[in-house]
Protein backbone atom coordinates (compact mmCIF):
# COMPACT_ATOMS: atom_id res chain seq x y z
CA UNK A 1 -2.02 -16.08 -11.06
CA UNK A 2 -2.92 -15.39 -7.45
CA UNK A 3 -5.86 -17.48 -6.27
CA UNK A 4 -6.10 -16.27 -2.70
CA UNK A 5 -7.51 -13.08 -1.28
CA UNK A 6 -7.75 -11.16 1.97
CA UNK A 7 -11.21 -9.91 2.90
CA UNK A 8 -11.09 -6.50 4.55
CA UNK A 9 -14.49 -5.05 5.41
CA UNK A 10 -16.45 -5.29 2.14
CA UNK A 11 -13.60 -5.89 -0.33
CA UNK A 12 -11.62 -8.97 -1.33
CA UNK A 13 -8.03 -7.91 -1.95
CA UNK A 14 -6.58 -10.36 -4.44
CA UNK A 15 -9.84 -11.31 -6.11
CA UNK A 16 -11.05 -9.88 -9.42
CA UNK A 17 -10.20 -6.35 -10.51
CA UNK A 18 -7.26 -4.87 -8.57
CA UNK A 19 -8.48 -2.60 -5.80
CA UNK A 20 -7.78 1.13 -6.08
CA UNK A 21 -6.07 2.87 -3.17
CA UNK A 22 -5.84 6.66 -2.99
CA UNK A 23 -3.30 8.26 -0.64
CA UNK A 24 -4.13 11.22 1.60
CA UNK A 25 -1.05 13.43 1.78
CA UNK A 26 -2.43 16.43 3.64
CA UNK A 27 0.18 18.85 4.94
CA UNK A 28 -1.95 20.08 7.84
CA UNK A 29 -4.76 18.90 10.05
CA UNK A 30 -6.90 21.75 8.77
CA UNK A 31 -6.67 20.39 5.21
CA UNK A 32 -7.12 16.76 6.21
CA UNK A 33 -10.90 16.42 6.32
CA UNK A 34 -11.36 18.48 3.16
CA UNK A 35 -8.90 16.21 1.34
CA UNK A 36 -10.59 13.08 2.71
CA UNK A 37 -13.98 14.33 1.53
CA UNK A 38 -12.60 15.03 -1.95
CA UNK A 39 -11.13 11.55 -2.15
CA UNK A 40 -14.36 9.94 -0.98
CA UNK A 41 -16.22 11.56 -3.89
CA UNK A 42 -14.04 9.43 -6.20
CA UNK A 43 -15.15 6.22 -4.39
CA UNK A 44 -11.82 4.41 -3.99
CA UNK A 45 -11.70 0.91 -2.51
CA UNK A 46 -8.99 1.88 -0.02
CA UNK A 47 -7.83 5.17 1.48
CA UNK A 48 -4.22 5.40 2.64
CA UNK A 49 -3.54 7.95 5.35
CA UNK A 50 0.08 8.99 4.91
CA UNK A 51 0.69 10.21 8.43
CA UNK A 52 4.33 11.04 7.63
CA UNK A 53 3.20 14.19 5.83
CA UNK A 54 1.97 15.68 9.12
CA UNK A 55 3.73 14.00 12.02
CA UNK A 56 1.96 14.62 15.31
CA UNK A 57 1.64 13.39 18.88
CA UNK A 58 0.05 10.07 19.77
CA UNK A 59 -3.06 11.85 21.02
CA UNK A 60 -3.44 13.94 17.86
CA UNK A 61 -2.94 10.84 15.75
CA UNK A 62 -5.85 9.08 17.44
CA UNK A 63 -8.04 12.15 17.00
CA UNK A 64 -7.21 12.37 13.30
CA UNK A 65 -7.90 8.67 12.75
CA UNK A 66 -11.26 9.06 14.47
CA UNK A 67 -12.07 12.07 12.29
CA UNK A 68 -11.12 10.19 9.12
CA UNK A 69 -13.22 7.17 10.07
CA UNK A 70 -16.24 9.38 10.66
CA UNK A 71 -15.98 10.66 7.08
CA UNK A 72 -15.10 7.44 5.23
CA UNK A 73 -17.56 5.12 6.94
CA UNK A 74 -17.00 1.52 5.81
CA UNK A 75 -14.23 2.32 3.30
CA UNK A 76 -11.00 0.45 4.08
CA UNK A 77 -8.35 2.60 5.79
CA UNK A 78 -4.63 1.87 5.43
CA UNK A 79 -2.33 3.65 7.88
CA UNK A 80 1.19 4.46 6.68
CA UNK A 81 4.19 6.27 8.11
CA UNK A 82 6.68 6.30 5.25
CA UNK A 83 10.16 7.03 6.53
CA UNK A 84 12.80 9.07 4.72
CA UNK A 85 14.83 5.90 4.11
CA UNK A 86 12.03 4.61 1.88
CA UNK A 87 11.06 7.84 0.14
CA UNK A 88 8.73 9.27 2.76
CA UNK A 89 8.61 12.40 4.88
CA UNK A 90 9.11 10.95 8.36
CA UNK A 91 12.46 11.24 10.09
CA UNK A 92 11.77 9.23 13.23
CA UNK A 93 13.68 6.74 15.33
CA UNK A 94 12.66 3.09 15.53
CA UNK A 95 10.94 3.49 18.89
CA UNK A 96 8.72 6.34 17.68
CA UNK A 97 7.91 4.51 14.44
CA UNK A 98 6.86 1.38 16.32
CA UNK A 99 4.87 3.39 18.86
CA UNK A 100 2.84 5.19 16.20
CA UNK A 101 2.02 1.92 14.44
CA UNK A 102 0.98 0.39 17.75
CA UNK A 103 -1.26 3.36 18.58
CA UNK A 104 -2.90 3.13 15.16
CA UNK A 105 -3.56 -0.59 15.64
CA UNK A 106 -5.14 0.00 19.02
CA UNK A 107 -7.25 2.95 17.87
CA UNK A 108 -10.00 0.76 16.42
CA UNK A 109 -10.14 3.00 13.35
CA UNK A 110 -7.67 1.44 10.92
CA UNK A 111 -8.11 -1.73 8.91
CA UNK A 112 -4.52 -2.15 7.70
CA UNK A 113 -1.11 -0.81 8.61
CA UNK A 114 1.96 -0.49 6.41
CA UNK A 115 5.14 -1.83 8.04
CA UNK A 116 8.49 -1.26 6.36
CA UNK A 117 9.92 -4.75 6.09
CA UNK A 118 13.56 -3.83 6.62
CA UNK A 119 13.14 -0.97 9.09
CA UNK A 120 14.48 -2.93 12.07
CA UNK A 121 15.25 -6.60 12.58
CA UNK A 122 12.31 -8.39 14.17
CA UNK A 123 9.94 -5.43 13.88
CA UNK A 124 7.84 -6.78 11.01
CA UNK A 125 7.17 -10.09 12.73
CA UNK A 126 6.37 -8.31 16.00
CA UNK A 127 3.99 -5.81 14.39
CA UNK A 128 2.21 -8.56 12.48
CA UNK A 129 1.40 -10.27 15.77
CA UNK A 130 0.30 -7.00 17.39
CA UNK A 131 -1.83 -6.01 14.42
CA UNK A 132 -3.52 -9.39 14.12
CA UNK A 133 -4.32 -9.34 17.84
CA UNK A 134 -6.17 -6.07 17.19
CA UNK A 135 -7.94 -7.33 14.07
CA UNK A 136 -5.73 -5.27 11.76
CA UNK A 137 -4.12 -6.55 8.53
CA UNK A 138 -0.48 -5.87 7.63
CA UNK A 139 0.92 -4.61 4.34
CA UNK A 140 4.69 -5.18 4.53
CA UNK A 141 6.55 -2.79 2.25
CA UNK A 142 9.90 -2.25 0.60
CA UNK A 143 10.79 0.64 -1.73
CA UNK A 144 13.81 1.20 -3.95
CA UNK A 145 13.85 4.65 -5.57
CA UNK A 146 17.18 4.05 -7.30
CA UNK A 147 16.92 0.77 -9.19
CA UNK A 148 15.08 -2.48 -9.88
CA UNK A 149 16.66 -5.52 -8.19
CA UNK A 150 16.87 -8.71 -10.22
CA UNK A 151 13.93 -11.09 -10.42
CA UNK A 152 15.21 -13.56 -7.83
CA UNK A 153 15.86 -10.80 -5.32
CA UNK A 154 12.36 -9.38 -5.77
CA UNK A 155 10.81 -12.80 -5.18
CA UNK A 156 13.07 -13.35 -2.16
CA UNK A 157 11.96 -10.08 -0.57
CA UNK A 158 8.26 -10.75 -1.16
CA UNK A 159 8.63 -14.26 0.27
CA UNK A 160 10.44 -12.93 3.34
CA UNK A 161 7.60 -10.51 4.04
CA UNK A 162 5.01 -13.27 3.80
CA UNK A 163 7.04 -15.59 6.03
CA UNK A 164 7.28 -12.87 8.68
CA UNK A 165 3.48 -12.89 8.89
CA UNK A 166 2.45 -10.09 6.53
CA UNK A 167 -0.96 -10.44 4.93
CA UNK A 168 0.07 -8.52 1.80
CA UNK A 169 3.71 -8.05 0.74
CA UNK A 170 4.39 -4.87 -1.25
CA UNK A 171 7.36 -3.82 -3.37
CA UNK A 172 7.88 -0.59 -5.34
CA UNK A 173 10.99 -0.16 -7.49
CA UNK A 174 12.44 2.37 -9.91
CA UNK A 175 13.00 1.30 -13.52
CA UNK A 176 15.92 2.55 -15.57
CA UNK A 177 14.86 0.65 -18.70
CA UNK A 178 11.89 -1.17 -20.23
CA UNK A 179 13.59 -4.41 -19.21
CA UNK A 180 13.33 -3.37 -15.55
CA UNK A 181 9.55 -3.07 -15.87
CA UNK A 182 9.39 -6.54 -17.40
CA UNK A 183 11.53 -7.86 -14.54
CA UNK A 184 9.08 -6.49 -11.98
CA UNK A 185 6.06 -7.95 -13.78
CA UNK A 186 7.73 -11.33 -14.24
CA UNK A 187 8.75 -11.49 -10.57
CA UNK A 188 5.18 -10.68 -9.55
CA UNK A 189 3.78 -13.44 -11.75
CA UNK A 190 6.29 -16.03 -10.51
CA UNK A 191 5.81 -15.10 -6.87
CA UNK A 192 2.04 -15.47 -7.16
CA UNK A 193 2.40 -18.83 -8.91
CA UNK A 194 4.72 -20.05 -6.16
CA UNK A 195 3.30 -18.52 -2.98
CA UNK A 196 -0.28 -17.47 -3.72
CA UNK A 197 -1.97 -14.87 -1.58
CA UNK A 198 -2.35 -11.19 -2.51
CA UNK A 199 0.67 -9.07 -3.30
CA UNK A 200 1.22 -5.44 -4.34
CA UNK A 201 3.98 -4.55 -6.77
CA UNK A 202 4.73 -1.56 -8.93
CA UNK A 203 7.40 -0.08 -11.14
CA UNK A 204 7.50 3.65 -10.46
CA UNK A 205 7.79 6.73 -12.69
CA UNK A 206 6.22 7.23 -16.10
CA UNK A 207 8.17 4.31 -17.52
CA UNK A 208 6.55 1.94 -15.04
CA UNK A 209 2.91 3.07 -15.41
CA UNK A 210 1.95 -0.16 -17.19
CA UNK A 211 2.72 -2.07 -13.98
CA UNK A 212 0.12 0.01 -12.12
CA UNK A 213 -2.55 -0.90 -14.66
CA UNK A 214 -1.83 -4.53 -15.56
CA UNK A 215 -2.09 -6.05 -12.09
CA UNK A 216 -4.90 -8.44 -12.97
CA UNK A 217 -2.70 -10.03 -15.65
CA UNK A 218 0.38 -10.45 -13.47
CA UNK A 219 -0.98 -10.72 -9.93
CA UNK A 220 -0.70 -7.33 -8.22
CA UNK A 221 -3.88 -6.92 -6.17
CA UNK A 222 -3.87 -3.16 -5.44
CA UNK A 223 -2.92 -0.10 -7.46
CA UNK A 224 -2.39 3.43 -6.14
CA UNK A 225 -4.13 6.32 -7.90
CA UNK A 226 -4.46 10.06 -7.38
CA UNK A 227 -7.33 12.40 -6.59
CA UNK A 228 -5.44 15.33 -5.12
CA UNK A 229 -1.65 14.90 -4.80
CA UNK A 230 0.47 11.88 -5.72
CA UNK A 231 2.49 10.12 -3.03
CA UNK A 232 4.92 8.46 -5.46
CA UNK A 233 6.13 9.02 -9.04
CA UNK A 234 3.99 7.48 -11.77
CA UNK A 235 0.61 7.47 -10.02
CA UNK A 236 -2.31 8.01 -12.41
CA UNK A 237 -5.64 9.85 -11.79
CA UNK A 238 -8.28 7.50 -10.42
CA UNK A 239 -10.78 7.87 -13.28
CA UNK A 240 -8.14 6.87 -15.83
CA UNK A 241 -7.02 3.94 -13.70
CA UNK A 242 -10.57 2.68 -13.26
CA UNK A 243 -11.27 2.85 -17.01
CA UNK A 244 -8.16 0.85 -17.91
CA UNK A 245 -8.73 -1.71 -15.16
CA UNK A 246 -12.26 -2.27 -16.47
CA UNK A 247 -11.02 -2.78 -20.04
CA UNK A 248 -8.40 -5.30 -18.91
CA UNK A 249 -10.88 -7.14 -16.71
CA UNK A 250 -13.30 -7.51 -19.59
CA UNK A 251 -10.56 -8.88 -21.85
CA UNK A 252 -9.55 -11.45 -19.23
CA UNK A 253 -13.13 -12.45 -18.50
């Protein structure tokens, strides 16, 4: 199991019960603060602002991040622009993608940024350095909505992300069988045994729900849950997630 953690504000990601992250997928700026307030009532550990659902100018982005921070206080904020290539809503070129991540890092309002590991050669390593200079942690991500790669490939991708400087590698894959879910869980366990440090993994859709709940057994340090709208297939309402995580934690303890 994973013995290391990353301390972000008041939480240790990778220590104890997996942390619960709730995505904000507001379609308009008008709905944003209302959605953030609703999510805060559920007391998640992390809020993910999915900026790809409402792409805006650099100036508007900074204003929205400031507004979100004013509502969430000391709750950890993860900033994500998920591109269409990885199942998101953003259709942007590499320069725009990099510029938005840079602006978020420099805003002083985000704690972590999500960087797509295979977006552009050299970008992950570069953004890790930029983020760390600004006191921001990096979640490197890779999503496959079509299949589950084999165990060795999953471990290779996670290791690559870590070696590029990411604080937390993340992989989400689509299962086509029960065996695919087992492959994802086994790869997570073996990666954590080999590399240590927090990692986030999940098998998507209803078939993969167990992977979102059994992180403390296999090593995944964060799970994504819903309050309003899901950002990926298979996400479970936060109250249900919290109940199951507590039961598992008690059985392990």
